[in-house]
């Protein structure tokens, strides 16, 4: 049974943490996804995706886009891992960094699923209830090919499960 939690307080962890391409042999990284609120942007979603690897204290922040004519939501990196702007609240102003090229930065599709594994789409109005599962297919490969950080930050592919609700 899924937790009853608003999306901006939800904590997701990977179901298959063994699929972590950036962990050295015998080491388990500690990944989580959160959805902090963002202010002052024209996006139809009042939150961002914050992807954190707690063992190394690295975080990347992603914007969310639902381009017209496409059947899926996309995430695109706003702040790379290890940047000073990737702090607790992510990129609060929603502005892109100078010299930032979203076409070469890691990105992926974003899918949310219910307990029955049917796709759901949290509404952009207000703060919706957190779906039990999410997936960012291809994000691992996108980070692996990026090579910018020596491959210290390559999140696991697969499903992420709602495992907590922060105050």
N, C-alpha and C. Protein backbone atom coordinates (compact mmCIF):
# COMPACT_ATOMS: atom_id res chain seq x y z
N UNK A 1 0.83 -1.18 0.00
CA UNK A 1 0.00 0.00 0.00
C UNK A 1 0.88 1.25 0.00
N UNK A 2 0.56 2.19 -0.86
CA UNK A 2 1.37 3.39 -1.02
C UNK A 2 1.19 4.35 0.15
N UNK A 3 2.24 5.12 0.41
CA UNK A 3 2.17 6.17 1.42
C UNK A 3 1.25 7.28 0.93
N UNK A 4 0.60 7.94 1.84
CA UNK A 4 -0.22 9.10 1.51
C UNK A 4 0.63 10.33 1.78
N UNK A 5 1.21 10.89 0.72
CA UNK A 5 2.20 11.95 0.87
C UNK A 5 2.07 12.93 -0.29
N UNK A 6 2.13 14.23 -0.03
CA UNK A 6 2.17 15.18 -1.14
C UNK A 6 3.49 15.05 -1.89
N UNK A 7 3.47 15.30 -3.18
CA UNK A 7 4.64 15.09 -4.03
C UNK A 7 5.85 15.90 -3.57
N UNK A 8 5.66 17.11 -3.06
CA UNK A 8 6.81 17.93 -2.66
C UNK A 8 7.46 17.47 -1.35
N UNK A 9 6.89 16.47 -0.68
CA UNK A 9 7.50 15.89 0.53
C UNK A 9 7.92 14.45 0.33
N UNK A 10 7.65 13.89 -0.84
CA UNK A 10 7.91 12.47 -1.12
C UNK A 10 9.40 12.19 -1.33
N UNK A 11 9.81 11.01 -0.88
CA UNK A 11 11.18 10.53 -1.09
C UNK A 11 11.09 9.19 -1.81
N UNK A 12 11.75 9.10 -2.96
CA UNK A 12 11.79 7.87 -3.76
C UNK A 12 13.19 7.28 -3.70
N UNK A 13 13.27 5.96 -3.60
CA UNK A 13 14.55 5.25 -3.65
C UNK A 13 14.47 4.17 -4.73
N UNK A 14 15.61 3.80 -5.33
CA UNK A 14 15.57 2.82 -6.42
C UNK A 14 15.20 1.43 -5.91
N UNK A 15 14.41 0.72 -6.71
CA UNK A 15 14.09 -0.67 -6.39
C UNK A 15 15.28 -1.58 -6.65
N UNK A 16 16.11 -1.23 -7.63
CA UNK A 16 17.27 -2.05 -7.99
C UNK A 16 18.53 -1.23 -7.84
N UNK A 17 18.99 -1.05 -6.62
CA UNK A 17 20.19 -0.25 -6.37
C UNK A 17 21.45 -0.94 -6.89
N UNK A 18 21.38 -2.24 -7.20
CA UNK A 18 22.53 -2.93 -7.77
C UNK A 18 22.84 -2.45 -9.18
N UNK A 19 21.90 -1.76 -9.80
CA UNK A 19 22.06 -1.25 -11.16
C UNK A 19 22.71 0.13 -11.13
N UNK A 20 23.68 0.33 -10.25
CA UNK A 20 24.34 1.61 -10.07
C UNK A 20 25.71 1.56 -10.74
N UNK A 21 25.82 2.20 -11.87
CA UNK A 21 27.05 2.14 -12.67
C UNK A 21 28.19 2.95 -12.07
N UNK A 22 27.91 3.83 -11.11
CA UNK A 22 28.97 4.68 -10.58
C UNK A 22 29.52 4.20 -9.25
N UNK A 23 28.97 3.13 -8.67
CA UNK A 23 29.46 2.62 -7.39
C UNK A 23 30.63 1.67 -7.63
N UNK A 24 31.74 1.85 -6.91
CA UNK A 24 32.83 0.89 -7.02
C UNK A 24 32.39 -0.47 -6.50
N UNK A 25 33.07 -1.52 -6.91
CA UNK A 25 32.73 -2.87 -6.45
C UNK A 25 32.68 -2.92 -4.94
N UNK A 26 31.63 -3.52 -4.40
CA UNK A 26 31.48 -3.68 -2.97
C UNK A 26 30.92 -2.46 -2.24
N UNK A 27 30.63 -1.38 -2.97
CA UNK A 27 30.11 -0.16 -2.36
C UNK A 27 28.68 0.06 -2.83
N UNK A 28 27.81 0.43 -1.91
CA UNK A 28 26.42 0.73 -2.28
C UNK A 28 26.19 2.23 -2.10
N UNK A 29 25.87 2.91 -3.19
CA UNK A 29 25.51 4.32 -3.12
C UNK A 29 24.11 4.45 -2.54
N UNK A 30 23.80 5.61 -2.04
CA UNK A 30 22.52 5.88 -1.40
C UNK A 30 21.77 6.94 -2.21
N UNK A 31 20.93 6.49 -3.14
CA UNK A 31 20.23 7.39 -4.05
C UNK A 31 18.85 7.75 -3.54
N UNK A 32 18.38 8.96 -3.87
CA UNK A 32 17.00 9.35 -3.62
C UNK A 32 16.57 10.43 -4.60
N UNK A 33 15.27 10.44 -4.84
CA UNK A 33 14.66 11.47 -5.68
C UNK A 33 13.62 12.18 -4.83
N UNK A 34 13.66 13.52 -4.87
CA UNK A 34 12.65 14.34 -4.23
C UNK A 34 12.12 15.34 -5.25
N UNK A 35 11.04 16.00 -4.90
CA UNK A 35 10.39 16.96 -5.80
C UNK A 35 10.19 18.31 -5.09
N UNK A 36 11.28 19.05 -4.80
CA UNK A 36 11.09 20.33 -4.12
C UNK A 36 10.31 21.31 -4.99
N UNK A 37 9.55 22.18 -4.33
CA UNK A 37 8.80 23.22 -5.04
C UNK A 37 9.78 24.19 -5.68
N UNK A 38 9.36 24.81 -6.75
CA UNK A 38 10.15 25.88 -7.36
C UNK A 38 9.23 27.08 -7.52
N UNK A 39 9.80 28.25 -7.43
CA UNK A 39 9.02 29.48 -7.51
C UNK A 39 9.44 30.31 -8.71
N UNK A 40 8.51 31.10 -9.19
CA UNK A 40 8.82 32.12 -10.19
C UNK A 40 9.12 31.62 -11.59
N UNK A 41 8.60 30.49 -12.00
CA UNK A 41 8.82 30.04 -13.37
C UNK A 41 7.48 29.90 -14.06
N UNK A 42 7.54 29.80 -15.36
CA UNK A 42 6.30 29.69 -16.13
C UNK A 42 5.93 28.24 -16.42
N UNK A 43 6.62 27.29 -15.82
CA UNK A 43 6.34 25.88 -16.06
C UNK A 43 4.96 25.51 -15.55
N UNK A 44 4.40 24.46 -16.15
CA UNK A 44 3.09 23.98 -15.70
C UNK A 44 3.21 23.07 -14.48
N UNK A 45 4.42 22.83 -13.99
CA UNK A 45 4.64 21.99 -12.81
C UNK A 45 5.32 22.84 -11.73
N UNK A 46 4.77 22.91 -10.51
CA UNK A 46 5.38 23.75 -9.46
C UNK A 46 6.50 23.06 -8.69
N UNK A 47 7.21 22.13 -9.33
CA UNK A 47 8.29 21.41 -8.65
C UNK A 47 9.38 21.06 -9.65
N UNK A 48 10.53 20.63 -9.12
CA UNK A 48 11.64 20.12 -9.92
C UNK A 48 11.94 18.71 -9.41
N UNK A 49 12.78 18.00 -10.13
CA UNK A 49 13.26 16.68 -9.69
C UNK A 49 14.66 16.91 -9.11
N UNK A 50 14.84 16.50 -7.87
CA UNK A 50 16.15 16.60 -7.23
C UNK A 50 16.66 15.18 -7.02
N UNK A 51 17.72 14.82 -7.72
CA UNK A 51 18.31 13.48 -7.68
C UNK A 51 19.60 13.57 -6.87
N UNK A 52 19.66 12.83 -5.76
CA UNK A 52 20.78 12.94 -4.83
C UNK A 52 21.43 11.58 -4.59
N UNK A 53 22.76 11.60 -4.55
CA UNK A 53 23.52 10.43 -4.10
C UNK A 53 24.13 10.86 -2.77
N UNK A 54 23.57 10.35 -1.67
CA UNK A 54 23.92 10.82 -0.33
C UNK A 54 25.32 10.43 0.13
N UNK A 55 25.83 9.27 -0.28
CA UNK A 55 27.16 8.84 0.17
C UNK A 55 28.24 9.82 -0.29
N UNK A 56 28.14 10.27 -1.55
CA UNK A 56 29.12 11.21 -2.09
C UNK A 56 28.69 12.67 -1.92
N UNK A 57 27.46 12.88 -1.43
CA UNK A 57 26.90 14.22 -1.26
C UNK A 57 26.86 14.98 -2.58
N UNK A 58 26.35 14.30 -3.62
CA UNK A 58 26.21 14.90 -4.95
C UNK A 58 24.73 14.98 -5.32
N UNK A 59 24.34 16.08 -5.94
CA UNK A 59 22.96 16.31 -6.32
C UNK A 59 22.89 16.93 -7.71
N UNK A 60 21.90 16.51 -8.48
CA UNK A 60 21.58 17.16 -9.76
C UNK A 60 20.11 17.58 -9.69
N UNK A 61 19.80 18.72 -10.28
CA UNK A 61 18.44 19.23 -10.28
C UNK A 61 17.94 19.27 -11.72
N UNK A 62 16.70 18.78 -11.91
CA UNK A 62 16.11 18.69 -13.25
C UNK A 62 14.81 19.47 -13.32
N UNK A 63 14.64 20.20 -14.42
CA UNK A 63 13.35 20.80 -14.72
C UNK A 63 12.46 19.77 -15.38
N UNK A 64 11.17 20.05 -15.39
CA UNK A 64 10.20 19.13 -15.97
C UNK A 64 9.48 19.85 -17.10
N UNK A 65 9.39 19.19 -18.25
CA UNK A 65 8.70 19.78 -19.40
C UNK A 65 7.73 18.76 -19.97
N UNK A 66 6.60 19.25 -20.41
CA UNK A 66 5.59 18.42 -21.05
C UNK A 66 5.31 19.06 -22.41
N UNK A 67 6.23 18.85 -23.38
CA UNK A 67 6.10 19.55 -24.65
C UNK A 67 4.81 19.20 -25.38
N UNK A 68 4.14 20.20 -25.96
CA UNK A 68 2.92 19.92 -26.72
C UNK A 68 3.21 18.96 -27.87
N UNK A 69 2.30 18.02 -28.08
CA UNK A 69 2.46 17.08 -29.18
C UNK A 69 3.23 15.83 -28.82
N UNK A 70 3.79 15.78 -27.61
CA UNK A 70 4.52 14.59 -27.16
C UNK A 70 3.66 13.86 -26.15
N UNK A 71 3.82 12.55 -26.08
CA UNK A 71 2.97 11.77 -25.19
C UNK A 71 3.60 11.54 -23.82
N UNK A 72 4.76 12.13 -23.57
CA UNK A 72 5.43 11.87 -22.30
C UNK A 72 6.10 13.14 -21.79
N UNK A 73 6.24 13.19 -20.49
CA UNK A 73 6.94 14.29 -19.82
C UNK A 73 8.43 14.00 -19.88
N UNK A 74 9.21 15.06 -19.98
CA UNK A 74 10.67 14.95 -20.04
C UNK A 74 11.28 15.69 -18.85
N UNK A 75 12.47 15.26 -18.42
CA UNK A 75 13.26 16.01 -17.46
C UNK A 75 14.54 16.45 -18.14
N UNK A 76 15.01 17.65 -17.80
CA UNK A 76 16.25 18.18 -18.36
C UNK A 76 17.03 18.82 -17.23
N UNK A 77 18.34 18.62 -17.25
CA UNK A 77 19.17 19.06 -16.14
C UNK A 77 19.26 20.58 -16.09
N UNK A 78 19.00 21.13 -14.91
CA UNK A 78 19.18 22.55 -14.65
C UNK A 78 20.50 22.81 -13.96
N UNK A 79 20.86 21.92 -13.01
CA UNK A 79 22.07 22.09 -12.22
C UNK A 79 22.78 20.74 -12.13
N UNK A 80 24.04 20.67 -12.59
CA UNK A 80 24.76 19.39 -12.57
C UNK A 80 25.22 18.99 -11.17
N UNK A 81 25.55 17.71 -10.97
CA UNK A 81 26.02 17.24 -9.67
C UNK A 81 27.29 17.98 -9.25
N UNK A 82 27.35 18.32 -7.97
CA UNK A 82 28.53 18.97 -7.43
C UNK A 82 28.55 20.47 -7.58
N UNK A 83 27.57 21.07 -8.26
CA UNK A 83 27.52 22.52 -8.41
C UNK A 83 27.07 23.18 -7.12
N UNK A 84 27.56 24.38 -6.82
CA UNK A 84 27.10 25.08 -5.62
C UNK A 84 25.59 25.33 -5.65
N UNK A 85 25.01 25.49 -6.83
CA UNK A 85 23.57 25.76 -6.95
C UNK A 85 22.72 24.54 -6.66
N UNK A 86 23.32 23.36 -6.54
CA UNK A 86 22.52 22.15 -6.34
C UNK A 86 22.26 21.90 -4.86
N UNK A 87 22.31 22.94 -4.06
CA UNK A 87 22.08 22.85 -2.62
C UNK A 87 20.69 22.36 -2.27
N UNK A 88 20.32 22.53 -1.02
CA UNK A 88 19.10 21.94 -0.48
C UNK A 88 17.85 22.25 -1.30
N UNK A 89 17.70 23.49 -1.75
CA UNK A 89 16.48 23.86 -2.46
C UNK A 89 16.61 23.79 -3.97
N UNK A 90 17.75 23.34 -4.46
CA UNK A 90 17.92 23.26 -5.91
C UNK A 90 18.02 24.65 -6.50
N UNK A 91 17.65 24.78 -7.73
CA UNK A 91 17.73 26.04 -8.45
C UNK A 91 16.43 26.80 -8.23
N UNK A 92 16.35 27.58 -7.15
CA UNK A 92 15.10 28.20 -6.73
C UNK A 92 14.51 29.13 -7.77
N UNK A 93 15.36 29.88 -8.49
CA UNK A 93 14.81 30.85 -9.43
C UNK A 93 14.39 30.22 -10.75
N UNK A 94 14.75 28.95 -10.97
CA UNK A 94 14.34 28.26 -12.20
C UNK A 94 15.10 28.71 -13.44
N UNK A 95 16.09 29.58 -13.28
CA UNK A 95 16.85 30.07 -14.44
C UNK A 95 17.97 29.11 -14.79
N UNK A 96 18.26 29.03 -16.07
CA UNK A 96 19.37 28.18 -16.51
C UNK A 96 20.69 28.87 -16.24
N UNK A 97 21.74 28.08 -16.04
CA UNK A 97 23.07 28.62 -15.82
C UNK A 97 23.65 29.18 -17.12
N UNK A 98 24.56 30.10 -16.98
CA UNK A 98 25.27 30.68 -18.11
C UNK A 98 26.05 29.58 -18.84
N UNK A 99 26.01 29.57 -20.16
CA UNK A 99 26.74 28.58 -20.93
C UNK A 99 26.12 27.19 -20.91
N UNK A 100 24.92 27.08 -20.44
CA UNK A 100 24.25 25.79 -20.29
C UNK A 100 23.62 25.38 -21.61
N UNK A 101 23.88 24.16 -22.05
CA UNK A 101 23.30 23.65 -23.29
C UNK A 101 22.51 22.39 -22.99
N UNK A 102 21.19 22.54 -22.91
CA UNK A 102 20.32 21.42 -22.53
C UNK A 102 20.38 20.27 -23.54
N UNK A 103 20.82 20.53 -24.76
CA UNK A 103 20.87 19.46 -25.77
C UNK A 103 22.01 18.49 -25.50
N UNK A 104 23.01 18.90 -24.72
CA UNK A 104 24.13 18.00 -24.44
C UNK A 104 24.14 17.50 -23.01
N UNK A 105 23.28 18.01 -22.17
CA UNK A 105 23.22 17.62 -20.76
C UNK A 105 22.33 16.38 -20.62
N UNK A 106 22.53 15.58 -19.55
CA UNK A 106 21.67 14.42 -19.33
C UNK A 106 20.19 14.80 -19.22
N UNK A 107 19.36 13.98 -19.84
CA UNK A 107 17.91 14.18 -19.81
C UNK A 107 17.25 12.81 -19.96
N UNK A 108 15.95 12.76 -19.73
CA UNK A 108 15.23 11.48 -19.83
C UNK A 108 13.73 11.74 -19.88
N UNK A 109 13.01 10.69 -20.22
CA UNK A 109 11.56 10.72 -20.07
C UNK A 109 11.24 10.55 -18.59
N UNK A 110 10.05 10.96 -18.18
CA UNK A 110 9.61 10.81 -16.80
C UNK A 110 8.24 10.15 -16.79
N UNK A 111 8.14 9.02 -16.12
CA UNK A 111 6.87 8.31 -15.99
C UNK A 111 6.57 8.09 -14.51
N UNK A 112 5.30 8.27 -14.14
CA UNK A 112 4.81 7.92 -12.81
C UNK A 112 3.85 6.75 -12.97
N UNK A 113 3.84 5.86 -11.95
CA UNK A 113 2.97 4.68 -11.99
C UNK A 113 2.22 4.54 -10.68
N UNK A 114 1.01 3.97 -10.77
CA UNK A 114 0.23 3.61 -9.60
C UNK A 114 0.65 2.25 -9.09
N UNK A 115 0.03 1.80 -7.99
CA UNK A 115 0.33 0.47 -7.44
C UNK A 115 0.08 -0.64 -8.45
N UNK A 116 -0.85 -0.42 -9.37
CA UNK A 116 -1.20 -1.42 -10.38
C UNK A 116 -0.30 -1.35 -11.60
N UNK A 117 0.74 -0.53 -11.55
CA UNK A 117 1.70 -0.29 -12.63
C UNK A 117 1.08 0.38 -13.86
N UNK A 118 -0.09 0.97 -13.70
CA UNK A 118 -0.65 1.79 -14.77
C UNK A 118 -0.08 3.19 -14.65
N UNK A 119 0.21 3.82 -15.79
CA UNK A 119 0.78 5.17 -15.78
C UNK A 119 -0.22 6.17 -15.23
N UNK A 120 0.29 7.09 -14.43
CA UNK A 120 -0.50 8.21 -13.91
C UNK A 120 0.28 9.49 -14.16
N UNK A 121 -0.41 10.61 -14.17
CA UNK A 121 0.23 11.89 -14.39
C UNK A 121 -0.25 12.86 -13.32
N UNK A 122 0.62 13.20 -12.35
CA UNK A 122 0.18 14.13 -11.32
C UNK A 122 -0.21 15.47 -11.93
N UNK A 123 -1.35 16.03 -11.54
CA UNK A 123 -1.76 17.31 -12.10
C UNK A 123 -0.82 18.43 -11.67
N UNK A 124 -0.68 19.44 -12.50
CA UNK A 124 0.20 20.57 -12.21
C UNK A 124 -0.38 21.57 -11.24
N UNK A 125 -1.68 21.52 -11.01
CA UNK A 125 -2.30 22.47 -10.10
C UNK A 125 -2.11 22.01 -8.66
N UNK A 126 -1.81 22.96 -7.79
CA UNK A 126 -1.64 22.62 -6.38
C UNK A 126 -0.48 21.67 -6.19
N UNK A 127 -0.52 20.89 -5.13
CA UNK A 127 0.51 19.88 -4.91
C UNK A 127 -0.18 18.53 -4.82
N UNK A 128 -0.04 17.71 -5.87
CA UNK A 128 -0.73 16.42 -5.91
C UNK A 128 -0.14 15.40 -4.95
N UNK A 129 -0.88 14.35 -4.76
CA UNK A 129 -0.42 13.19 -3.98
C UNK A 129 0.69 12.50 -4.79
N UNK A 130 1.71 12.03 -4.08
CA UNK A 130 2.84 11.36 -4.73
C UNK A 130 2.42 9.98 -5.24
N UNK A 131 2.65 9.69 -6.53
CA UNK A 131 2.40 8.34 -7.03
C UNK A 131 3.38 7.35 -6.38
N UNK A 132 3.00 6.07 -6.29
CA UNK A 132 3.86 5.09 -5.62
C UNK A 132 5.18 4.79 -6.33
N UNK A 133 5.24 4.95 -7.65
CA UNK A 133 6.44 4.61 -8.41
C UNK A 133 6.75 5.67 -9.45
N UNK A 134 8.04 5.80 -9.78
CA UNK A 134 8.43 6.64 -10.92
C UNK A 134 9.57 5.98 -11.65
N UNK A 135 9.78 6.42 -12.89
CA UNK A 135 10.87 5.88 -13.71
C UNK A 135 11.42 7.00 -14.59
N UNK A 136 12.73 7.00 -14.75
CA UNK A 136 13.45 7.91 -15.64
C UNK A 136 14.27 7.06 -16.61
N UNK A 137 13.61 6.38 -17.56
CA UNK A 137 14.32 5.45 -18.44
C UNK A 137 15.38 6.15 -19.28
N UNK A 138 16.55 5.58 -19.30
CA UNK A 138 17.64 6.11 -20.11
C UNK A 138 18.50 7.15 -19.41
N UNK A 139 18.13 7.55 -18.19
CA UNK A 139 18.92 8.58 -17.51
C UNK A 139 20.32 8.08 -17.17
N UNK A 140 20.45 6.81 -16.78
CA UNK A 140 21.77 6.25 -16.48
C UNK A 140 22.70 6.35 -17.69
N UNK A 141 22.20 5.92 -18.82
CA UNK A 141 23.01 5.97 -20.04
C UNK A 141 23.36 7.41 -20.41
N UNK A 142 22.43 8.30 -20.21
CA UNK A 142 22.66 9.71 -20.50
C UNK A 142 23.80 10.26 -19.64
N UNK A 143 23.82 9.92 -18.35
CA UNK A 143 24.92 10.36 -17.48
C UNK A 143 26.22 9.64 -17.84
N UNK A 144 26.14 8.36 -18.15
CA UNK A 144 27.34 7.60 -18.52
C UNK A 144 28.01 8.21 -19.75
N UNK A 145 27.22 8.57 -20.73
CA UNK A 145 27.77 9.16 -21.95
C UNK A 145 28.25 10.59 -21.77
N UNK A 146 27.75 11.28 -20.76
CA UNK A 146 28.10 12.68 -20.51
C UNK A 146 29.56 12.81 -20.07
N UNK A 147 30.03 11.92 -19.21
CA UNK A 147 31.43 11.80 -18.78
C UNK A 147 31.99 13.03 -18.06
N UNK A 148 31.20 14.04 -17.81
CA UNK A 148 31.70 15.28 -17.24
C UNK A 148 32.31 15.11 -15.85
N UNK A 149 31.74 14.27 -15.03
CA UNK A 149 32.19 14.17 -13.63
C UNK A 149 32.99 12.90 -13.36
N UNK A 150 33.59 12.32 -14.37
CA UNK A 150 34.36 11.09 -14.16
C UNK A 150 33.48 9.91 -13.82
N UNK A 151 32.20 10.03 -14.16
CA UNK A 151 31.22 8.97 -13.94
C UNK A 151 31.03 8.63 -12.47
N UNK A 152 31.15 9.63 -11.61
CA UNK A 152 30.87 9.43 -10.17
C UNK A 152 29.38 9.51 -9.90
N UNK A 153 28.60 10.02 -10.84
CA UNK A 153 27.17 10.23 -10.64
C UNK A 153 26.43 9.63 -11.83
N UNK A 154 26.12 8.35 -11.71
CA UNK A 154 25.36 7.65 -12.75
C UNK A 154 24.21 6.93 -12.04
N UNK A 155 23.04 7.58 -11.97
CA UNK A 155 21.94 7.00 -11.20
C UNK A 155 21.46 5.68 -11.79
N UNK A 156 20.92 4.80 -10.96
CA UNK A 156 20.41 3.53 -11.46
C UNK A 156 19.18 3.72 -12.34
N UNK A 157 19.07 2.91 -13.37
CA UNK A 157 17.85 2.88 -14.19
C UNK A 157 16.82 2.06 -13.44
N UNK A 158 15.66 1.96 -13.99
CA UNK A 158 14.63 1.13 -13.38
C UNK A 158 13.62 1.96 -12.60
N UNK A 159 12.83 1.27 -11.81
CA UNK A 159 11.77 1.91 -11.04
C UNK A 159 12.30 2.46 -9.72
N UNK A 160 11.70 3.57 -9.30
CA UNK A 160 11.97 4.18 -8.01
C UNK A 160 10.67 4.12 -7.22
N UNK A 161 10.76 3.72 -5.96
CA UNK A 161 9.57 3.52 -5.13
C UNK A 161 9.47 4.63 -4.07
N UNK A 162 8.23 5.08 -3.86
CA UNK A 162 7.96 6.03 -2.79
C UNK A 162 8.22 5.32 -1.46
N UNK A 163 9.24 5.76 -0.71
CA UNK A 163 9.61 5.08 0.53
C UNK A 163 9.52 5.96 1.76
N UNK A 164 9.27 7.26 1.58
CA UNK A 164 9.20 8.14 2.74
C UNK A 164 8.47 9.42 2.42
N UNK A 165 8.14 10.13 3.50
CA UNK A 165 7.46 11.41 3.39
C UNK A 165 8.11 12.35 4.41
N UNK A 166 8.80 13.37 3.94
CA UNK A 166 9.50 14.30 4.83
C UNK A 166 8.57 15.39 5.33
N UNK A 167 8.90 15.90 6.52
CA UNK A 167 8.13 17.03 7.08
C UNK A 167 8.53 18.34 6.46
